[in-house]
C-alpha atoms as a PDB file:
ATOM      1  CA  UNK A   1     -10.763  31.143 -12.088  1.00  0.00           C
ATOM      2  CA  UNK A   2     -13.603  28.653 -12.851  1.00  0.00           C
ATOM      3  CA  UNK A   3     -12.352  25.650 -14.852  1.00  0.00           C
ATOM      4  CA  UNK A   4     -14.323  24.856 -18.030  1.00  0.00           C
ATOM      5  CA  UNK A   5     -14.527  22.364 -20.659  1.00  0.00           C
ATOM      6  CA  UNK A   6     -12.000  19.613 -20.553  1.00  0.00           C
ATOM      7  CA  UNK A   7     -10.001  21.233 -17.749  1.00  0.00           C
ATOM      8  CA  UNK A   8     -12.817  20.904 -15.447  1.00  0.00           C
ATOM      9  CA  UNK A   9     -13.500  17.284 -16.611  1.00  0.00           C
ATOM     10  CA  UNK A  10      -9.895  16.570 -15.957  1.00  0.00           C
ATOM     11  CA  UNK A  11      -9.942  17.935 -12.356  1.00  0.00           C
ATOM     12  CA  UNK A  12     -13.245  16.154 -11.731  1.00  0.00           C
ATOM     13  CA  UNK A  13     -11.511  12.845 -13.027  1.00  0.00           C
ATOM     14  CA  UNK A  14      -8.731  13.163 -10.645  1.00  0.00           C
ATOM     15  CA  UNK A  15     -10.927  13.896  -7.566  1.00  0.00           C
ATOM     16  CA  UNK A  16     -12.935  10.936  -8.415  1.00  0.00           C
ATOM     17  CA  UNK A  17      -9.931   8.894  -8.382  1.00  0.00           C
ATOM     18  CA  UNK A  18      -8.869  10.066  -5.033  1.00  0.00           C
ATOM     19  CA  UNK A  19     -12.353   9.346  -3.801  1.00  0.00           C
ATOM     20  CA  UNK A  20     -12.425   5.714  -5.135  1.00  0.00           C
ATOM     21  CA  UNK A  21      -9.134   4.861  -3.567  1.00  0.00           C
ATOM     22  CA  UNK A  22     -10.304   6.058  -0.086  1.00  0.00           C
ATOM     23  CA  UNK A  23     -13.980   4.518  -0.675  1.00  0.00           C
ATOM     24  CA  UNK A  24     -12.353   1.046  -1.233  1.00  0.00           C
ATOM     25  CA  UNK A  25     -10.974   1.793   2.504  1.00  0.00           C
ATOM     26  CA  UNK A  26     -14.189   3.078   4.073  1.00  0.00           C
ATOM     27  CA  UNK A  27     -16.644   0.760   2.474  1.00  0.00           C
ATOM     28  CA  UNK A  28     -14.682  -2.514   2.105  1.00  0.00           C
ATOM     29  CA  UNK A  29     -12.046  -1.812   5.021  1.00  0.00           C
ATOM     30  CA  UNK A  30     -14.290  -3.084   8.142  1.00  0.00           C
ATOM     31  CA  UNK A  31     -15.505  -6.394   6.114  1.00  0.00           C
ATOM     32  CA  UNK A  32     -11.846  -7.042   5.119  1.00  0.00           C
ATOM     33  CA  UNK A  33     -10.629  -6.556   8.524  1.00  0.00           C
ATOM     34  CA  UNK A  34     -13.027  -8.851  10.222  1.00  0.00           C
ATOM     35  CA  UNK A  35     -12.311 -11.810   7.648  1.00  0.00           C
ATOM     36  CA  UNK A  36      -8.651 -11.009   7.839  1.00  0.00           C
ATOM     37  CA  UNK A  37      -8.613 -11.475  11.475  1.00  0.00           C
ATOM     38  CA  UNK A  38      -8.510 -15.431  11.355  1.00  0.00           C
ATOM     39  CA  UNK A  39      -5.121 -15.364   9.323  1.00  0.00           C
ATOM     40  CA  UNK A  40      -1.763 -15.222  10.375  1.00  0.00           C
ATOM     41  CA  UNK A  41      -0.216 -11.356  10.194  1.00  0.00           C
ATOM     42  CA  UNK A  42       2.771 -12.351   7.761  1.00  0.00           C
ATOM     43  CA  UNK A  43       0.146 -14.129   5.177  1.00  0.00           C
ATOM     44  CA  UNK A  44      -2.235 -11.211   5.415  1.00  0.00           C
ATOM     45  CA  UNK A  45       0.632  -8.854   4.632  1.00  0.00           C
ATOM     46  CA  UNK A  46       1.623 -10.684   1.742  1.00  0.00           C
ATOM     47  CA  UNK A  47      -1.804 -11.088   0.386  1.00  0.00           C
ATOM     48  CA  UNK A  48      -2.649  -7.304   0.993  1.00  0.00           C
ATOM     49  CA  UNK A  49       0.643  -6.446  -1.034  1.00  0.00           C
ATOM     50  CA  UNK A  50      -0.491  -8.717  -3.639  1.00  0.00           C
ATOM     51  CA  UNK A  51      -3.808  -7.186  -4.002  1.00  0.00           C
ATOM     52  CA  UNK A  52      -2.166  -3.767  -4.010  1.00  0.00           C
ATOM     53  CA  UNK A  53      -0.028  -4.862  -6.861  1.00  0.00           C
ATOM     54  CA  UNK A  54      -3.034  -6.447  -8.698  1.00  0.00           C
ATOM     55  CA  UNK A  55      -4.968  -3.204  -8.153  1.00  0.00           C
ATOM     56  CA  UNK A  56      -2.220  -0.840  -9.474  1.00  0.00           C
ATOM     57  CA  UNK A  57      -1.276  -3.178 -12.512  1.00  0.00           C
ATOM     58  CA  UNK A  58      -5.228  -3.114 -13.401  1.00  0.00           C
ATOM     59  CA  UNK A  59      -4.818   0.576 -13.362  1.00  0.00           C
ATOM     60  CA  UNK A  60      -1.725   0.590 -15.421  1.00  0.00           C
ATOM     61  CA  UNK A  61      -2.931  -1.433 -18.409  1.00  0.00           C
ATOM     62  CA  UNK A  62      -6.817  -0.323 -18.498  1.00  0.00           C
ATOM     63  CA  UNK A  63      -8.114   2.056 -21.259  1.00  0.00           C
ATOM     64  CA  UNK A  64     -11.346   2.232 -19.287  1.00  0.00           C
ATOM     65  CA  UNK A  65     -11.961   4.888 -16.975  1.00  0.00           C
ATOM     66  CA  UNK A  66     -14.501   2.496 -14.841  1.00  0.00           C
ATOM     67  CA  UNK A  67     -11.882  -0.087 -14.757  1.00  0.00           C
ATOM     68  CA  UNK A  68      -9.226   2.603 -13.523  1.00  0.00           C
ATOM     69  CA  UNK A  69     -11.809   3.546 -10.745  1.00  0.00           C
ATOM     70  CA  UNK A  70     -12.330  -0.216  -9.903  1.00  0.00           C
ATOM     71  CA  UNK A  71      -8.723  -0.525  -9.865  1.00  0.00           C
ATOM     72  CA  UNK A  72      -8.272   2.439  -7.428  1.00  0.00           C
ATOM     73  CA  UNK A  73     -10.903   0.723  -4.865  1.00  0.00           C
ATOM     74  CA  UNK A  74      -9.018  -2.336  -5.310  1.00  0.00           C
ATOM     75  CA  UNK A  75      -5.620  -0.645  -4.011  1.00  0.00           C
ATOM     76  CA  UNK A  76      -7.506   1.303  -1.710  1.00  0.00           C
ATOM     77  CA  UNK A  77      -8.686  -1.609   0.139  1.00  0.00           C
ATOM     78  CA  UNK A  78      -5.595  -2.678   1.304  1.00  0.00           C
ATOM     79  CA  UNK A  79      -4.261   0.541   2.948  1.00  0.00           C
ATOM     80  CA  UNK A  80      -5.688   0.814   6.201  1.00  0.00           C
ATOM     81  CA  UNK A  81      -5.350  -2.958   7.011  1.00  0.00           C
ATOM     82  CA  UNK A  82      -1.636  -3.075   5.831  1.00  0.00           C
ATOM     83  CA  UNK A  83      -0.742  -0.031   7.878  1.00  0.00           C
ATOM     84  CA  UNK A  84      -2.245  -1.643  10.959  1.00  0.00           C
ATOM     85  CA  UNK A  85      -1.183  -5.240  10.894  1.00  0.00           C
ATOM     86  CA  UNK A  86       2.359  -3.714   9.848  1.00  0.00           C
ATOM     87  CA  UNK A  87       2.552  -1.897  13.069  1.00  0.00           C
ATOM     88  CA  UNK A  88       1.577  -5.035  15.046  1.00  0.00           C
ATOM     89  CA  UNK A  89       4.251  -7.130  13.173  1.00  0.00           C
ATOM     90  CA  UNK A  90       6.807  -4.237  13.758  1.00  0.00           C
ATOM     91  CA  UNK A  91       6.197  -4.425  17.598  1.00  0.00           C
ATOM     92  CA  UNK A  92       6.518  -8.385  17.503  1.00  0.00           C
ATOM     93  CA  UNK A  93       9.922  -8.219  15.616  1.00  0.00           C
ATOM     94  CA  UNK A  94      12.054  -6.371  18.361  1.00  0.00           C
ATOM     95  CA  UNK A  95      12.175  -6.425  22.272  1.00  0.00           C
ATOM     96  CA  UNK A  96       9.202  -5.134  23.866  1.00  0.00           C
ATOM     97  CA  UNK A  97      11.186  -1.944  25.242  1.00  0.00           C
ATOM     98  CA  UNK A  98      11.692  -0.698  21.652  1.00  0.00           C
ATOM     99  CA  UNK A  99       8.184  -1.612  20.422  1.00  0.00           C
ATOM    100  CA  UNK A 100       6.947   2.214  20.745  1.00  0.00           C
ATOM    101  CA  UNK A 101      10.020   3.195  18.490  1.00  0.00           C
ATOM    102  CA  UNK A 102       9.319   0.428  16.169  1.00  0.00           C
ATOM    103  CA  UNK A 103       5.852   1.506  15.409  1.00  0.00           C
ATOM    104  CA  UNK A 104       7.143   5.416  15.206  1.00  0.00           C
ATOM    105  CA  UNK A 105       9.811   4.575  12.712  1.00  0.00           C
ATOM    106  CA  UNK A 106       7.364   2.686  10.675  1.00  0.00           C
ATOM    107  CA  UNK A 107       4.808   5.452  10.721  1.00  0.00           C
ATOM    108  CA  UNK A 108       7.855   7.931  10.103  1.00  0.00           C
ATOM    109  CA  UNK A 109       8.578   5.997   6.906  1.00  0.00           C
ATOM    110  CA  UNK A 110       5.099   6.025   5.944  1.00  0.00           C
ATOM    111  CA  UNK A 111       5.117   9.503   5.893  1.00  0.00           C
ATOM    112  CA  UNK A 112       8.341   9.883   4.113  1.00  0.00           C
ATOM    113  CA  UNK A 113       6.888   7.376   1.399  1.00  0.00           C
ATOM    114  CA  UNK A 114       3.862   9.676   0.807  1.00  0.00           C
ATOM    115  CA  UNK A 115       5.875  12.684   0.377  1.00  0.00           C
ATOM    116  CA  UNK A 116       8.605  11.336  -1.827  1.00  0.00           C
ATOM    117  CA  UNK A 117       6.057   9.072  -3.452  1.00  0.00           C
ATOM    118  CA  UNK A 118       3.639  11.593  -4.347  1.00  0.00           C
ATOM    119  CA  UNK A 119       6.576  13.700  -5.896  1.00  0.00           C
ATOM    120  CA  UNK A 120       8.099  10.807  -7.802  1.00  0.00           C
ATOM    121  CA  UNK A 121       4.644   9.573  -9.046  1.00  0.00           C
ATOM    122  CA  UNK A 122       4.086  13.032 -10.310  1.00  0.00           C
ATOM    123  CA  UNK A 123       7.597  13.301 -11.988  1.00  0.00           C
ATOM    124  CA  UNK A 124       6.987   9.680 -13.684  1.00  0.00           C
ATOM    125  CA  UNK A 125       3.416  10.573 -14.945  1.00  0.00           C
ATOM    126  CA  UNK A 126       4.620  13.819 -16.587  1.00  0.00           C
ATOM    127  CA  UNK A 127       7.829  12.325 -18.114  1.00  0.00           C
ATOM    128  CA  UNK A 128       6.486   8.854 -19.024  1.00  0.00           C
ATOM    129  CA  UNK A 129       2.803   9.046 -18.851  1.00  0.00           C
ATOM    130  CA  UNK A 130       0.489   8.436 -16.165  1.00  0.00           C
ATOM    131  CA  UNK A 131       0.220   4.449 -16.584  1.00  0.00           C
ATOM    132  CA  UNK A 132       3.851   4.129 -16.063  1.00  0.00           C
ATOM    133  CA  UNK A 133       3.595   5.699 -12.395  1.00  0.00           C
ATOM    134  CA  UNK A 134       1.006   2.596 -11.866  1.00  0.00           C
ATOM    135  CA  UNK A 135       3.739   0.211 -13.300  1.00  0.00           C
ATOM    136  CA  UNK A 136       6.432   1.357 -11.022  1.00  0.00           C
ATOM    137  CA  UNK A 137       4.113   1.500  -7.960  1.00  0.00           C
ATOM    138  CA  UNK A 138       3.504  -2.115  -8.980  1.00  0.00           C
ATOM    139  CA  UNK A 139       7.464  -3.101  -9.077  1.00  0.00           C
ATOM    140  CA  UNK A 140       7.937  -1.300  -6.035  1.00  0.00           C
ATOM    141  CA  UNK A 141       4.978  -3.392  -4.355  1.00  0.00           C
ATOM    142  CA  UNK A 142       6.670  -6.384  -5.690  1.00  0.00           C
ATOM    143  CA  UNK A 143       9.763  -5.469  -4.095  1.00  0.00           C
ATOM    144  CA  UNK A 144       8.296  -4.826  -0.877  1.00  0.00           C
ATOM    145  CA  UNK A 145       6.130  -8.175  -0.840  1.00  0.00           C
ATOM    146  CA  UNK A 146       9.454 -10.271  -1.710  1.00  0.00           C
ATOM    147  CA  UNK A 147      11.034  -8.578   1.237  1.00  0.00           C
ATOM    148  CA  UNK A 148       8.130  -9.347   3.538  1.00  0.00           C
ATOM    149  CA  UNK A 149       8.594 -12.964   2.367  1.00  0.00           C
ATOM    150  CA  UNK A 150      12.220 -13.117   3.122  1.00  0.00           C
ATOM    151  CA  UNK A 151      12.851 -10.716   6.148  1.00  0.00           C
ATOM    152  CA  UNK A 152       9.621 -11.353   8.223  1.00  0.00           C
ATOM    153  CA  UNK A 153       9.320 -14.862  10.110  1.00  0.00           C
ATOM    154  CA  UNK A 154       6.134 -16.814  10.527  1.00  0.00           C
ATOM    155  CA  UNK A 155       4.419 -16.182  13.604  1.00  0.00           C
ATOM    156  CA  UNK A 156       5.672 -18.072  16.462  1.00  0.00           C
ATOM    157  CA  UNK A 157       8.816 -18.971  14.610  1.00  0.00           C
ATOM    158  CA  UNK A 158      11.739 -17.758  16.612  1.00  0.00           C
ATOM    159  CA  UNK A 159      14.390 -19.787  14.656  1.00  0.00           C
ATOM    160  CA  UNK A 160      13.722 -18.229  11.490  1.00  0.00           C
ATOM    161  CA  UNK A 161      14.090 -14.474  12.371  1.00  0.00           C
ATOM    162  CA  UNK A 162      15.586 -13.337   9.256  1.00  0.00           C
ATOM    163  CA  UNK A 163      18.201 -10.577   8.816  1.00  0.00           C
ATOM    164  CA  UNK A 164      15.909  -7.719   9.803  1.00  0.00           C
ATOM    165  CA  UNK A 165      15.247  -8.969  13.092  1.00  0.00           C
ATOM    166  CA  UNK A 166      19.056  -9.737  13.834  1.00  0.00           C
ATOM    167  CA  UNK A 167      19.858  -6.348  13.115  1.00  0.00           C
ATOM    168  CA  UNK A 168      17.076  -4.513  15.294  1.00  0.00           C
ATOM    169  CA  UNK A 169      18.096  -6.991  18.125  1.00  0.00           C
END
């Protein structure tokens, strides 16, 4: 059945939001990757998570559809780089013989987060309003950013391994 009127407009809007998030990754991704290559990985992860939080906070408080699209592009810029650099960091945190397992567990966690996160986000949006979903994502991003700061050591600093590294060894 064809959608008409307000329903079609809403569906088109949702499609544009999804596209804008991915277009941030497609368009800005290669440029951001080249620029970030000069920095230490932990610093990049912290910065990417901060950018992700900012993009979601902008989306949570805006009343402008244009600014909402821009916020999705900002959040989308971080995804590919965060996944890739996170995989590299995961291999550095444990012994070489467990590197493949670390990357596999990282991406299994990512898959689980997507499955549970989309469902939880939809429930939060339906129960509390669409903008609350962005606020919850921002709060979870802040928790993740703090975990990176506390648990992941600076590159080359083997004396400050952190709790996560000790547990994995």
